[in-house]
Every structure is written in structure tokens, then in C-alpha cells.
Amino acid sequence: MMKSYSIWRCCFVLALSMHLGASLAATPIRVACVGDSITYGAAIQDRVNNNYPVVLGRLLGDGYDVKNFGVNGATLLKKGDKPYWKESAFAAAKKFEPQLVIIKLGSNDSKPQNWKYKDEFTKNLIDLIRIFERLESKPQVWICKPAPVVMDRWGITEAVVKQEVIPAVVAAARQSKGVKLIDIYKILAPHPELFPDGVHPNAAGAKLMAVEVHRYLK
């Protein structure tokens, strides 16, 4: 009788463990893509299906839940003309309790009315990183170098992005323990043809971004 009970108990524990394991395996890893219009997918044909977070989700597979929290015109700078900090997407990204966060901001910060606050850029980025790191989900945070500017437009300039914004992003990465850096600039710079309006990558450019981010995450 005791032997039968022991066997039954072992089978029950094994079945319970398998059920819990399956439940955990079925819970996708939440990925929040934070950014501006390039993350949102502005100017991309069939944006809903071709923005980089959606393509990234397809590359990562069923084990991941990737959400797009990009905002057109958003700045990283708190004193910018459209701070990401004040957008509903920021609140939604935090509420999502992501386990991975990918931040790609900085292009709009290069505009003259925003970049006059450039001395605050690195600090503001570190503040944003820490806000995400302090979520209950304790996410791994990745920050991206901005995309190249093929043609200066709307106040967004290649010289400021390349020579000033990118070094400020790199400085934030160096000062933030555990934060990883993704070089979006490098992967897109050889392909000016993928920027039909000079600032926003098209669907092919978004795919290149997704492939590069996927390579880093994997």
C-alpha cells in the first residue's frame, strides 16, 4: 500500500512540474521598443506590418511579445519640443512590465530648438534607463545609436546626430552598468537608398534594423 502511494505521489509531482514548466514556457518574453517616428514606422508602406518592432517580433518567434511604443517627433530630452516622458506611450511601456527594453531616441533631439539643451542629454538618457530598470520586471535595457540622416530635414541634421548625439548615447551606455549598445547607425549608413525622405528608413530599412537588433538580442 505504501509503495503504491509513493509511486502515485511521484507521478503527481512529476505531472505538476511538467504542467508548471509548460505554463512558464508558454509565457512570452515581453519586449518594449521605445523610440520616435523611426521606431513607430513613419513613412513606411504598410506600416502596421513592416515597422521594425513587428519584424523583430516575427524574427524572435512565438516565445516573445514585442510591442511598439514609438512616438512621432518624440525627443529624449525632457526640455525638448515633444518629450517622450510626457507621452502616453511612455506610461504604456512601463505598464507593459517588459523584460527587454530597446530605446532608440535622439534624432529629433538634433533639432536646434532641442539641442540647445544638449548638456542634459546623457543624464536624461541615464534617467530613462533607470526608470525601466526599476520596474518589477527588472528588464535588460538596450540603447541604440540613432539612424543616419541622409538629407538634413525638419531641423534634423546629420552633423549633430553623428558628431554629438551618438557620442552622448555612447556616454550614457558607458555610465550605465549592464546596459548594452546597439549600433543602428552603422548598419544603415551604407544604404542611403533606404531613406526615401532623407530621415526615415523604408520597409527594407526597418527590416535591416530588426535583423540587427535580433542579432544583438540573440
N, C-alpha and C. Protein backbone atom coordinates (compact mmCIF):
# COMPACT_ATOMS: atom_id res chain seq x y z
N MET A 1 0.83 -1.20 0.00
CA MET A 1 0.00 0.00 0.00
C MET A 1 0.88 1.26 0.00
N MET A 2 1.88 1.28 0.89
CA MET A 2 2.79 2.42 0.99
C MET A 2 3.55 2.62 -0.31
N LYS A 3 3.95 1.50 -0.95
CA LYS A 3 4.71 1.58 -2.21
C LYS A 3 3.84 2.20 -3.31
N SER A 4 2.56 1.80 -3.36
CA SER A 4 1.65 2.33 -4.37
C SER A 4 1.44 3.83 -4.17
N TYR A 5 1.33 4.24 -2.89
CA TYR A 5 1.13 5.66 -2.57
C TYR A 5 2.34 6.47 -3.00
N SER A 6 3.55 5.92 -2.77
CA SER A 6 4.78 6.62 -3.14
C SER A 6 4.87 6.80 -4.64
N ILE A 7 4.49 5.73 -5.36
CA ILE A 7 4.53 5.81 -6.82
C ILE A 7 3.54 6.87 -7.31
N TRP A 8 2.32 6.84 -6.71
CA TRP A 8 1.30 7.82 -7.10
C TRP A 8 1.76 9.25 -6.81
N ARG A 9 2.40 9.41 -5.66
CA ARG A 9 2.87 10.75 -5.27
C ARG A 9 3.94 11.24 -6.23
N CYS A 10 4.85 10.37 -6.60
CA CYS A 10 5.92 10.75 -7.54
C CYS A 10 5.33 11.15 -8.89
N CYS A 11 4.33 10.37 -9.34
CA CYS A 11 3.69 10.67 -10.62
C CYS A 11 2.98 12.03 -10.57
N PHE A 12 2.33 12.31 -9.42
CA PHE A 12 1.62 13.57 -9.26
C PHE A 12 2.59 14.75 -9.29
N VAL A 13 3.70 14.61 -8.55
CA VAL A 13 4.70 15.69 -8.51
C VAL A 13 5.29 15.92 -9.89
N LEU A 14 5.58 14.83 -10.60
CA LEU A 14 6.14 14.94 -11.95
C LEU A 14 5.17 15.64 -12.89
N ALA A 15 3.89 15.24 -12.80
CA ALA A 15 2.88 15.84 -13.66
C ALA A 15 2.72 17.32 -13.35
N LEU A 16 2.73 17.67 -12.07
CA LEU A 16 2.61 19.07 -11.66
C LEU A 16 3.79 19.88 -12.16
N SER A 17 4.99 19.32 -12.05
CA SER A 17 6.20 20.01 -12.51
C SER A 17 6.15 20.26 -14.01
N MET A 18 5.68 19.23 -14.74
CA MET A 18 5.59 19.36 -16.19
C MET A 18 4.56 20.43 -16.57
N HIS A 19 3.46 20.47 -15.81
CA HIS A 19 2.42 21.46 -16.09
C HIS A 19 2.94 22.87 -15.83
N LEU A 20 3.63 23.06 -14.70
CA LEU A 20 4.17 24.37 -14.38
C LEU A 20 5.23 24.79 -15.38
N GLY A 21 6.05 23.82 -15.78
CA GLY A 21 7.09 24.11 -16.77
C GLY A 21 6.48 24.53 -18.09
N ALA A 22 5.42 23.84 -18.49
CA ALA A 22 4.75 24.17 -19.74
C ALA A 22 4.11 25.55 -19.66
N SER A 23 3.54 25.88 -18.48
CA SER A 23 2.92 27.19 -18.30
C SER A 23 3.95 28.30 -18.41
N LEU A 24 5.11 28.09 -17.78
CA LEU A 24 6.17 29.09 -17.84
C LEU A 24 6.69 29.24 -19.25
N ALA A 25 6.84 28.09 -19.94
CA ALA A 25 7.35 28.12 -21.31
C ALA A 25 6.38 28.85 -22.23
N ALA A 26 5.08 28.80 -21.89
CA ALA A 26 4.07 29.42 -22.72
C ALA A 26 3.98 30.93 -22.50
N THR A 27 4.63 31.44 -21.46
CA THR A 27 4.61 32.87 -21.19
C THR A 27 5.68 33.57 -22.00
N PRO A 28 5.29 34.38 -22.98
CA PRO A 28 6.30 35.01 -23.84
C PRO A 28 7.10 36.08 -23.10
N ILE A 29 8.31 36.30 -23.57
CA ILE A 29 9.17 37.35 -23.03
C ILE A 29 8.70 38.68 -23.63
N ARG A 30 8.41 39.64 -22.77
CA ARG A 30 7.87 40.92 -23.21
C ARG A 30 9.01 41.88 -23.61
N VAL A 31 8.91 42.41 -24.82
CA VAL A 31 9.92 43.32 -25.36
C VAL A 31 9.27 44.65 -25.69
N ALA A 32 9.76 45.73 -25.09
CA ALA A 32 9.24 47.07 -25.36
C ALA A 32 10.21 47.84 -26.25
N CYS A 33 9.73 48.27 -27.41
CA CYS A 33 10.54 49.08 -28.31
C CYS A 33 10.14 50.54 -28.13
N VAL A 34 11.01 51.29 -27.49
CA VAL A 34 10.76 52.69 -27.15
C VAL A 34 11.49 53.57 -28.16
N GLY A 35 10.81 54.60 -28.67
CA GLY A 35 11.50 55.43 -29.65
C GLY A 35 10.65 56.52 -30.26
N ASP A 36 11.13 57.02 -31.38
CA ASP A 36 10.47 58.12 -32.08
C ASP A 36 9.78 57.59 -33.33
N SER A 37 9.68 58.44 -34.37
CA SER A 37 8.96 58.04 -35.59
C SER A 37 9.63 56.89 -36.33
N ILE A 38 10.94 56.74 -36.17
CA ILE A 38 11.63 55.63 -36.84
C ILE A 38 11.21 54.31 -36.22
N THR A 39 11.04 54.29 -34.91
CA THR A 39 10.51 53.09 -34.25
C THR A 39 9.05 52.90 -34.60
N TYR A 40 8.28 53.99 -34.58
CA TYR A 40 6.86 53.93 -34.92
C TYR A 40 6.64 53.37 -36.32
N GLY A 41 7.53 53.79 -37.23
CA GLY A 41 7.42 53.32 -38.61
C GLY A 41 6.86 54.35 -39.56
N ALA A 42 7.04 55.63 -39.24
CA ALA A 42 6.54 56.71 -40.10
C ALA A 42 7.11 56.57 -41.52
N ALA A 43 6.27 56.82 -42.50
CA ALA A 43 6.65 56.81 -43.92
C ALA A 43 6.90 55.41 -44.47
N ILE A 44 6.63 54.38 -43.68
CA ILE A 44 6.80 53.00 -44.17
C ILE A 44 5.50 52.53 -44.81
N GLN A 45 5.61 52.01 -46.03
CA GLN A 45 4.43 51.46 -46.69
C GLN A 45 3.95 50.23 -45.90
N ASP A 46 2.65 50.17 -45.65
CA ASP A 46 2.06 49.12 -44.81
C ASP A 46 2.77 49.09 -43.46
N ARG A 47 2.77 50.24 -42.80
CA ARG A 47 3.48 50.42 -41.53
C ARG A 47 3.11 49.37 -40.49
N VAL A 48 1.84 49.02 -40.42
CA VAL A 48 1.37 48.08 -39.40
C VAL A 48 2.12 46.76 -39.46
N ASN A 49 2.44 46.32 -40.65
CA ASN A 49 3.11 45.03 -40.81
C ASN A 49 4.61 45.11 -41.04
N ASN A 50 5.10 46.33 -41.30
CA ASN A 50 6.51 46.45 -41.69
C ASN A 50 7.37 47.32 -40.77
N ASN A 51 6.80 47.88 -39.68
CA ASN A 51 7.66 48.64 -38.77
C ASN A 51 8.63 47.68 -38.07
N TYR A 52 9.77 48.21 -37.63
CA TYR A 52 10.83 47.32 -37.16
C TYR A 52 10.44 46.46 -35.94
N PRO A 53 9.67 46.97 -34.96
CA PRO A 53 9.29 46.08 -33.86
C PRO A 53 8.45 44.88 -34.29
N VAL A 54 7.57 45.09 -35.28
CA VAL A 54 6.76 43.97 -35.78
C VAL A 54 7.64 42.94 -36.46
N VAL A 55 8.58 43.42 -37.29
CA VAL A 55 9.50 42.50 -37.97
C VAL A 55 10.38 41.78 -36.94
N LEU A 56 10.82 42.51 -35.92
CA LEU A 56 11.62 41.90 -34.85
C LEU A 56 10.83 40.80 -34.17
N GLY A 57 9.55 41.05 -33.93
CA GLY A 57 8.70 40.03 -33.30
C GLY A 57 8.62 38.77 -34.13
N ARG A 58 8.54 38.92 -35.45
CA ARG A 58 8.49 37.75 -36.32
C ARG A 58 9.82 36.99 -36.28
N LEU A 59 10.91 37.73 -36.21
CA LEU A 59 12.23 37.10 -36.16
C LEU A 59 12.44 36.35 -34.84
N LEU A 60 11.98 36.92 -33.75
CA LEU A 60 12.16 36.30 -32.43
C LEU A 60 11.26 35.09 -32.24
N GLY A 61 10.07 35.13 -32.83
CA GLY A 61 9.19 33.96 -32.76
C GLY A 61 8.17 34.03 -31.65
N ASP A 62 7.45 32.93 -31.48
CA ASP A 62 6.32 32.87 -30.56
C ASP A 62 6.70 33.05 -29.09
N GLY A 63 7.95 32.87 -28.76
CA GLY A 63 8.37 33.00 -27.37
C GLY A 63 8.52 34.44 -26.90
N TYR A 64 8.20 35.39 -27.79
CA TYR A 64 8.38 36.80 -27.46
C TYR A 64 7.12 37.60 -27.81
N ASP A 65 6.84 38.60 -27.00
CA ASP A 65 5.74 39.53 -27.24
C ASP A 65 6.36 40.91 -27.40
N VAL A 66 6.48 41.36 -28.65
CA VAL A 66 7.16 42.62 -28.94
C VAL A 66 6.13 43.71 -29.20
N LYS A 67 6.23 44.82 -28.48
CA LYS A 67 5.30 45.93 -28.63
C LYS A 67 6.03 47.19 -29.10
N ASN A 68 5.34 47.94 -29.95
CA ASN A 68 5.88 49.19 -30.48
C ASN A 68 5.37 50.37 -29.66
N PHE A 69 6.29 51.05 -28.97
CA PHE A 69 5.95 52.24 -28.19
C PHE A 69 6.61 53.48 -28.77
N GLY A 70 6.76 53.49 -30.10
CA GLY A 70 7.35 54.65 -30.77
C GLY A 70 6.35 55.79 -30.89
N VAL A 71 6.86 57.03 -30.85
CA VAL A 71 6.02 58.23 -30.94
C VAL A 71 6.63 59.19 -31.96
N ASN A 72 5.85 59.57 -32.95
CA ASN A 72 6.33 60.51 -33.96
C ASN A 72 6.78 61.82 -33.32
N GLY A 73 8.00 62.25 -33.66
CA GLY A 73 8.51 63.53 -33.20
C GLY A 73 9.05 63.57 -31.79
N ALA A 74 9.07 62.42 -31.11
CA ALA A 74 9.47 62.41 -29.69
C ALA A 74 10.95 62.70 -29.51
N THR A 75 11.25 63.39 -28.42
CA THR A 75 12.64 63.67 -28.05
C THR A 75 12.99 62.92 -26.76
N LEU A 76 14.26 62.63 -26.62
CA LEU A 76 14.76 62.07 -25.36
C LEU A 76 14.88 63.18 -24.32
N LEU A 77 15.25 64.35 -24.76
CA LEU A 77 15.42 65.50 -23.86
C LEU A 77 14.10 65.88 -23.19
N LYS A 78 14.14 66.00 -21.88
CA LYS A 78 12.95 66.40 -21.13
C LYS A 78 12.49 67.81 -21.50
N LYS A 79 13.44 68.66 -21.92
CA LYS A 79 13.11 70.03 -22.30
C LYS A 79 12.93 70.17 -23.81
N GLY A 80 12.87 69.05 -24.52
CA GLY A 80 12.66 69.09 -25.95
C GLY A 80 11.25 69.55 -26.30
N ASP A 81 11.00 69.73 -27.61
CA ASP A 81 9.69 70.24 -28.02
C ASP A 81 8.59 69.17 -27.98
N LYS A 82 8.98 67.90 -27.83
CA LYS A 82 7.99 66.83 -27.65
C LYS A 82 8.62 65.70 -26.83
N PRO A 83 8.77 65.89 -25.53
CA PRO A 83 9.47 64.91 -24.69
C PRO A 83 8.73 63.57 -24.63
N TYR A 84 9.47 62.51 -24.84
CA TYR A 84 8.87 61.17 -24.74
C TYR A 84 8.28 60.96 -23.35
N TRP A 85 8.88 61.61 -22.38
CA TRP A 85 8.47 61.49 -20.98
C TRP A 85 7.00 61.84 -20.76
N LYS A 86 6.45 62.74 -21.59
CA LYS A 86 5.09 63.21 -21.40
C LYS A 86 4.07 62.46 -22.26
N GLU A 87 4.55 61.50 -23.04
CA GLU A 87 3.67 60.77 -23.96
C GLU A 87 2.99 59.59 -23.28
N SER A 88 1.78 59.30 -23.70
CA SER A 88 1.05 58.15 -23.15
C SER A 88 1.76 56.84 -23.45
N ALA A 89 2.53 56.81 -24.54
CA ALA A 89 3.29 55.60 -24.89
C ALA A 89 4.31 55.25 -23.81
N PHE A 90 4.86 56.27 -23.16
CA PHE A 90 5.83 56.02 -22.09
C PHE A 90 5.16 55.32 -20.92
N ALA A 91 3.99 55.82 -20.53
CA ALA A 91 3.23 55.18 -19.44
C ALA A 91 2.84 53.75 -19.83
N ALA A 92 2.45 53.57 -21.09
CA ALA A 92 2.06 52.24 -21.55
C ALA A 92 3.24 51.28 -21.55
N ALA A 93 4.41 51.78 -21.94
CA ALA A 93 5.61 50.94 -21.96
C ALA A 93 5.96 50.45 -20.56
N LYS A 94 5.82 51.33 -19.57
CA LYS A 94 6.10 50.93 -18.19
C LYS A 94 5.06 49.94 -17.68
N LYS A 95 3.81 50.18 -18.01
CA LYS A 95 2.73 49.30 -17.58
C LYS A 95 2.86 47.91 -18.19
N PHE A 96 3.46 47.83 -19.34
CA PHE A 96 3.69 46.57 -20.04
C PHE A 96 4.61 45.63 -19.25
N GLU A 97 5.37 46.18 -18.31
CA GLU A 97 6.33 45.43 -17.49
C GLU A 97 7.24 44.57 -18.38
N PRO A 98 7.98 45.21 -19.27
CA PRO A 98 8.82 44.45 -20.21
C PRO A 98 10.00 43.77 -19.52
N GLN A 99 10.48 42.72 -20.16
CA GLN A 99 11.68 42.04 -19.69
C GLN A 99 12.90 42.44 -20.52
N LEU A 100 12.63 43.02 -21.69
CA LEU A 100 13.67 43.60 -22.54
C LEU A 100 13.16 44.96 -23.01
N VAL A 101 14.01 45.97 -22.95
CA VAL A 101 13.65 47.30 -23.43
C VAL A 101 14.70 47.76 -24.44
N ILE A 102 14.23 48.23 -25.59
CA ILE A 102 15.13 48.75 -26.62
C ILE A 102 14.78 50.22 -26.83
N ILE A 103 15.72 51.10 -26.52
CA ILE A 103 15.48 52.55 -26.61
C ILE A 103 16.21 53.10 -27.83
N LYS A 104 15.46 53.74 -28.72
CA LYS A 104 16.07 54.39 -29.88
C LYS A 104 15.51 55.80 -30.02
N LEU A 105 16.16 56.72 -29.35
CA LEU A 105 15.78 58.13 -29.38
C LEU A 105 17.02 58.99 -29.67
N GLY A 106 16.79 60.18 -30.17
CA GLY A 106 17.92 61.08 -30.39
C GLY A 106 17.87 61.87 -31.69
N SER A 107 17.18 61.34 -32.70
CA SER A 107 17.14 62.04 -33.99
C SER A 107 16.48 63.41 -33.86
N ASN A 108 15.33 63.47 -33.23
CA ASN A 108 14.62 64.75 -33.07
C ASN A 108 15.33 65.70 -32.12
N ASP A 109 16.16 65.13 -31.26
CA ASP A 109 16.92 65.97 -30.32
C ASP A 109 17.95 66.82 -31.04
N SER A 110 18.31 66.43 -32.27
CA SER A 110 19.32 67.17 -33.02
C SER A 110 18.79 68.50 -33.57
N LYS A 111 17.47 68.70 -33.50
CA LYS A 111 16.90 69.97 -33.97
C LYS A 111 17.43 71.12 -33.10
N PRO A 112 17.69 72.28 -33.69
CA PRO A 112 18.28 73.40 -32.93
C PRO A 112 17.53 73.76 -31.66
N GLN A 113 16.19 73.78 -31.71
CA GLN A 113 15.42 74.16 -30.53
C GLN A 113 15.53 73.15 -29.40
N ASN A 114 15.96 71.93 -29.75
CA ASN A 114 16.13 70.88 -28.74
C ASN A 114 17.59 70.73 -28.30
N TRP A 115 18.48 70.78 -29.27
CA TRP A 115 19.88 70.51 -28.98
C TRP A 115 20.55 71.62 -28.17
N LYS A 116 19.87 72.74 -28.01
CA LYS A 116 20.43 73.78 -27.13
C LYS A 116 20.48 73.29 -25.68
N TYR A 117 19.76 72.18 -25.42
CA TYR A 117 19.81 71.55 -24.09
C TYR A 117 20.69 70.30 -24.10
N LYS A 118 21.64 70.27 -25.02
CA LYS A 118 22.44 69.07 -25.24
C LYS A 118 23.20 68.61 -24.00
N ASP A 119 23.55 69.53 -23.12
CA ASP A 119 24.30 69.16 -21.92
C ASP A 119 23.49 68.25 -20.99
N GLU A 120 22.19 68.17 -21.22
CA GLU A 120 21.33 67.35 -20.38
C GLU A 120 20.99 66.01 -21.02
N PHE A 121 21.43 65.80 -22.24
CA PHE A 121 21.02 64.61 -22.99
C PHE A 121 21.45 63.31 -22.31
N THR A 122 22.74 63.18 -22.02
CA THR A 122 23.25 61.94 -21.43
C THR A 122 22.57 61.66 -20.09
N LYS A 123 22.41 62.67 -19.27
CA LYS A 123 21.75 62.49 -17.97
C LYS A 123 20.31 62.05 -18.15
N ASN A 124 19.61 62.68 -19.10
CA ASN A 124 18.21 62.31 -19.34
C ASN A 124 18.10 60.87 -19.82
N LEU A 125 19.04 60.43 -20.65
CA LEU A 125 19.01 59.05 -21.13
C LEU A 125 19.28 58.08 -19.98
N ILE A 126 20.22 58.41 -19.12
CA ILE A 126 20.50 57.56 -17.96
C ILE A 126 19.28 57.50 -17.04
N ASP A 127 18.59 58.63 -16.88
CA ASP A 127 17.37 58.65 -16.06
C ASP A 127 16.31 57.71 -16.65
N LEU A 128 16.17 57.74 -17.97
CA LEU A 128 15.18 56.88 -18.64
C LEU A 128 15.54 55.41 -18.45
N ILE A 129 16.81 55.11 -18.60
CA ILE A 129 17.28 53.74 -18.41
C ILE A 129 16.94 53.25 -17.01
N ARG A 130 17.21 54.08 -16.03
CA ARG A 130 17.00 53.68 -14.62
C ARG A 130 15.52 53.49 -14.30
N ILE A 131 14.67 54.31 -14.91
CA ILE A 131 13.23 54.14 -14.69
C ILE A 131 12.79 52.75 -15.14
N PHE A 132 13.25 52.33 -16.31
CA PHE A 132 12.89 51.00 -16.79
C PHE A 132 13.52 49.90 -15.95
N GLU A 133 14.78 50.10 -15.57
CA GLU A 133 15.47 49.08 -14.77
C GLU A 133 14.80 48.85 -13.41
N ARG A 134 14.11 49.87 -12.91
CA ARG A 134 13.49 49.76 -11.59
C ARG A 134 12.08 49.17 -11.63
N LEU A 135 11.59 48.83 -12.79
CA LEU A 135 10.29 48.17 -12.89
C LEU A 135 10.36 46.80 -12.21
N GLU A 136 9.23 46.30 -11.79
CA GLU A 136 9.19 45.00 -11.13
C GLU A 136 9.74 43.89 -12.02
N SER A 137 9.59 44.05 -13.32
CA SER A 137 10.06 43.03 -14.26
C SER A 137 11.57 43.03 -14.42
N LYS A 138 12.26 44.06 -13.90
CA LYS A 138 13.73 44.16 -13.94
C LYS A 138 14.29 43.86 -15.34
N PRO A 139 13.90 44.65 -16.32
CA PRO A 139 14.31 44.34 -17.70
C PRO A 139 15.78 44.61 -17.99
N GLN A 140 16.27 43.88 -18.98
CA GLN A 140 17.56 44.20 -19.58
C GLN A 140 17.30 45.36 -20.54
N VAL A 141 18.11 46.42 -20.45
CA VAL A 141 17.90 47.59 -21.30
C VAL A 141 19.00 47.68 -22.35
N TRP A 142 18.57 47.90 -23.59
CA TRP A 142 19.48 48.14 -24.71
C TRP A 142 19.22 49.55 -25.23
N ILE A 143 20.25 50.30 -25.58
CA ILE A 143 20.06 51.61 -26.19
C ILE A 143 20.72 51.62 -27.56
N CYS A 144 20.10 52.32 -28.49
CA CYS A 144 20.56 52.32 -29.88
C CYS A 144 21.17 53.66 -30.27
N LYS A 145 22.22 53.59 -31.05
CA LYS A 145 22.69 54.79 -31.72
C LYS A 145 21.62 55.18 -32.75
N PRO A 146 21.34 56.48 -32.91
CA PRO A 146 20.32 56.89 -33.87
C PRO A 146 20.68 56.50 -35.30
N ALA A 147 19.66 56.47 -36.14
CA ALA A 147 19.88 56.20 -37.57
C ALA A 147 20.58 57.38 -38.22
N PRO A 148 21.29 57.14 -39.32
CA PRO A 148 21.92 58.26 -40.04
C PRO A 148 20.87 59.17 -40.66
N VAL A 149 21.26 60.40 -40.92
CA VAL A 149 20.39 61.37 -41.61
C VAL A 149 20.95 61.54 -43.01
N VAL A 150 20.27 61.00 -43.98
CA VAL A 150 20.75 61.04 -45.37
C VAL A 150 20.61 62.45 -45.96
N MET A 151 19.53 63.13 -45.56
CA MET A 151 19.32 64.50 -46.02
C MET A 151 18.78 65.32 -44.85
N ASP A 152 19.49 66.39 -44.49
CA ASP A 152 19.03 67.25 -43.38
C ASP A 152 17.62 67.75 -43.67
N ARG A 153 16.73 67.55 -42.68
CA ARG A 153 15.33 67.92 -42.91
C ARG A 153 14.62 68.13 -41.58
N TRP A 154 13.68 69.07 -41.58
CA TRP A 154 12.88 69.37 -40.38
C TRP A 154 13.75 69.75 -39.18
N GLY A 155 14.96 70.23 -39.45
CA GLY A 155 15.86 70.60 -38.37
C GLY A 155 16.73 69.45 -37.88
N ILE A 156 16.45 68.25 -38.37
CA ILE A 156 17.26 67.06 -38.01
C ILE A 156 18.49 67.06 -38.91
N THR A 157 19.67 67.04 -38.32
CA THR A 157 20.90 67.16 -39.11
C THR A 157 21.88 66.03 -38.85
N GLU A 158 22.49 65.59 -39.93
CA GLU A 158 23.47 64.50 -39.85
C GLU A 158 24.67 64.89 -38.99
N ALA A 159 25.16 66.12 -39.15
CA ALA A 159 26.35 66.54 -38.41
C ALA A 159 26.13 66.44 -36.90
N VAL A 160 24.98 66.90 -36.43
CA VAL A 160 24.70 66.86 -34.99
C VAL A 160 24.47 65.42 -34.54
N VAL A 161 23.72 64.65 -35.33
CA VAL A 161 23.46 63.25 -34.96
C VAL A 161 24.75 62.46 -34.84
N LYS A 162 25.60 62.57 -35.85
CA LYS A 162 26.82 61.76 -35.89
C LYS A 162 27.88 62.24 -34.91
N GLN A 163 28.09 63.55 -34.84
CA GLN A 163 29.20 64.08 -34.07
C GLN A 163 28.87 64.40 -32.61
N GLU A 164 27.57 64.53 -32.30
CA GLU A 164 27.22 64.94 -30.94
C GLU A 164 26.21 64.00 -30.25
N VAL A 165 25.12 63.66 -30.95
CA VAL A 165 24.11 62.80 -30.31
C VAL A 165 24.66 61.41 -30.05
N ILE A 166 25.30 60.83 -31.05
CA ILE A 166 25.83 59.47 -30.87
C ILE A 166 26.85 59.39 -29.75
N PRO A 167 27.84 60.30 -29.66
CA PRO A 167 28.75 60.26 -28.51
C PRO A 167 28.02 60.39 -27.17
N ALA A 168 26.93 61.17 -27.14
CA ALA A 168 26.17 61.31 -25.90
C ALA A 168 25.46 60.01 -25.54
N VAL A 169 24.99 59.29 -26.55
CA VAL A 169 24.37 57.97 -26.32
C VAL A 169 25.41 56.98 -25.81
N VAL A 170 26.58 56.98 -26.44
CA VAL A 170 27.66 56.09 -26.02
C VAL A 170 28.07 56.39 -24.58
N ALA A 171 28.12 57.67 -24.22
CA ALA A 171 28.48 58.06 -22.85
C ALA A 171 27.47 57.51 -21.85
N ALA A 172 26.19 57.54 -22.21
CA ALA A 172 25.16 57.00 -21.32
C ALA A 172 25.32 55.51 -21.13
N ALA A 173 25.67 54.81 -22.22
CA ALA A 173 25.88 53.36 -22.14
C ALA A 173 27.05 53.04 -21.22
N ARG A 174 28.11 53.82 -21.33
CA ARG A 174 29.31 53.58 -20.52
C ARG A 174 29.06 53.85 -19.04
N GLN A 175 28.15 54.78 -18.76
CA GLN A 175 27.88 55.15 -17.37
C GLN A 175 26.77 54.32 -16.74
N SER A 176 26.16 53.44 -17.52
CA SER A 176 25.04 52.63 -17.04
C SER A 176 25.44 51.16 -17.02
N LYS A 177 25.74 50.66 -15.85
CA LYS A 177 26.18 49.28 -15.70
C LYS A 177 25.13 48.31 -16.21
N GLY A 178 25.56 47.38 -17.06
CA GLY A 178 24.66 46.35 -17.55
C GLY A 178 23.88 46.72 -18.79
N VAL A 179 23.94 47.99 -19.20
CA VAL A 179 23.22 48.42 -20.39
C VAL A 179 24.03 48.10 -21.64
N LYS A 180 23.35 47.58 -22.66
CA LYS A 180 24.02 47.20 -23.90
C LYS A 180 23.73 48.23 -24.99
N LEU A 181 24.65 48.35 -25.96
CA LEU A 181 24.55 49.34 -27.03
C LEU A 181 24.38 48.63 -28.38
N ILE A 182 23.40 49.09 -29.15
CA ILE A 182 23.15 48.55 -30.49
C ILE A 182 23.47 49.63 -31.52
N ASP A 183 24.29 49.29 -32.50
CA ASP A 183 24.75 50.28 -33.48
C ASP A 183 23.85 50.28 -34.72
N ILE A 184 22.71 50.96 -34.60
CA ILE A 184 21.79 51.10 -35.73
C ILE A 184 22.41 51.96 -36.83
N TYR A 185 23.17 52.97 -36.41
CA TYR A 185 23.79 53.88 -37.38
C TYR A 185 24.67 53.11 -38.37
N LYS A 186 25.52 52.25 -37.84
CA LYS A 186 26.48 51.53 -38.68
C LYS A 186 25.80 50.64 -39.71
N ILE A 187 24.71 49.99 -39.31
CA ILE A 187 24.06 49.04 -40.22
C ILE A 187 23.30 49.75 -41.34
N LEU A 188 22.86 51.00 -41.06
CA LEU A 188 22.06 51.72 -42.06
C LEU A 188 22.86 52.71 -42.90
N ALA A 189 24.00 53.17 -42.39
CA ALA A 189 24.78 54.20 -43.08
C ALA A 189 25.16 53.85 -44.52
N PRO A 190 25.47 52.58 -44.83
CA PRO A 190 25.84 52.25 -46.22
C PRO A 190 24.66 52.21 -47.18
N HIS A 191 23.44 52.49 -46.69
CA HIS A 191 22.26 52.32 -47.54
C HIS A 191 21.39 53.58 -47.58
N PRO A 192 21.91 54.67 -48.15
CA PRO A 192 21.11 55.90 -48.25
C PRO A 192 19.85 55.71 -49.09
N GLU A 193 19.87 54.73 -49.98
CA GLU A 193 18.71 54.49 -50.83
C GLU A 193 17.48 54.01 -50.04
N LEU A 194 17.70 53.61 -48.80
CA LEU A 194 16.60 53.11 -47.97
C LEU A 194 15.90 54.23 -47.20
N PHE A 195 16.30 55.49 -47.46
CA PHE A 195 15.72 56.65 -46.78
C PHE A 195 15.04 57.55 -47.81
N PRO A 196 13.82 57.23 -48.21
CA PRO A 196 13.16 57.99 -49.27
C PRO A 196 12.94 59.47 -48.95
N ASP A 197 12.74 59.82 -47.67
CA ASP A 197 12.56 61.23 -47.32
C ASP A 197 13.81 61.82 -46.66
N GLY A 198 14.89 61.04 -46.62
CA GLY A 198 16.15 61.51 -46.08
C GLY A 198 16.34 61.26 -44.60
N VAL A 199 15.25 60.95 -43.87
CA VAL A 199 15.31 60.78 -42.42
C VAL A 199 14.78 59.42 -41.96
N HIS A 200 13.66 59.00 -42.56
CA HIS A 200 13.01 57.75 -42.12
C HIS A 200 13.33 56.59 -43.05
N PRO A 201 13.82 55.47 -42.51
CA PRO A 201 14.04 54.30 -43.35
C PRO A 201 12.73 53.71 -43.83
N ASN A 202 12.75 53.15 -45.03
CA ASN A 202 11.56 52.49 -45.57
C ASN A 202 11.43 51.08 -44.98
N ALA A 203 10.55 50.27 -45.56
CA ALA A 203 10.32 48.93 -45.02
C ALA A 203 11.60 48.08 -45.05
N ALA A 204 12.38 48.21 -46.12
CA ALA A 204 13.63 47.45 -46.21
C ALA A 204 14.61 47.91 -45.14
N GLY A 205 14.63 49.22 -44.86
CA GLY A 205 15.50 49.74 -43.81
C GLY A 205 15.04 49.28 -42.43
N ALA A 206 13.73 49.26 -42.23
CA ALA A 206 13.19 48.78 -40.95
C ALA A 206 13.54 47.31 -40.75
N LYS A 207 13.53 46.56 -41.83
CA LYS A 207 13.90 45.14 -41.73
C LYS A 207 15.37 44.99 -41.34
N LEU A 208 16.23 45.84 -41.93
CA LEU A 208 17.65 45.81 -41.55
C LEU A 208 17.82 46.10 -40.07
N MET A 209 17.07 47.09 -39.58
CA MET A 209 17.11 47.41 -38.15
C MET A 209 16.70 46.20 -37.31
N ALA A 210 15.60 45.59 -37.70
CA ALA A 210 15.08 44.44 -36.95
C ALA A 210 16.07 43.30 -36.92
N VAL A 211 16.69 43.03 -38.07
CA VAL A 211 17.68 41.95 -38.15
C VAL A 211 18.87 42.24 -37.24
N GLU A 212 19.29 43.51 -37.20
CA GLU A 212 20.44 43.88 -36.36
C GLU A 212 20.10 43.78 -34.87
N VAL A 213 18.92 44.28 -34.50
CA VAL A 213 18.50 44.19 -33.10
C VAL A 213 18.37 42.72 -32.71
N HIS A 214 17.80 41.92 -33.59
CA HIS A 214 17.65 40.48 -33.33
C HIS A 214 19.01 39.83 -33.11
N ARG A 215 19.98 40.24 -33.92
CA ARG A 215 21.34 39.66 -33.80
C ARG A 215 21.92 39.97 -32.42
N TYR A 216 21.73 41.18 -31.93
CA TYR A 216 22.23 41.56 -30.61
C TYR A 216 21.50 40.80 -29.50
N LEU A 217 20.18 40.72 -29.62
CA LEU A 217 19.42 40.07 -28.56
C LEU A 217 19.73 38.59 -28.48
N LYS A 218 20.00 37.98 -29.60
CA LYS A 218 20.28 36.54 -29.62
C LYS A 218 21.74 36.24 -29.27
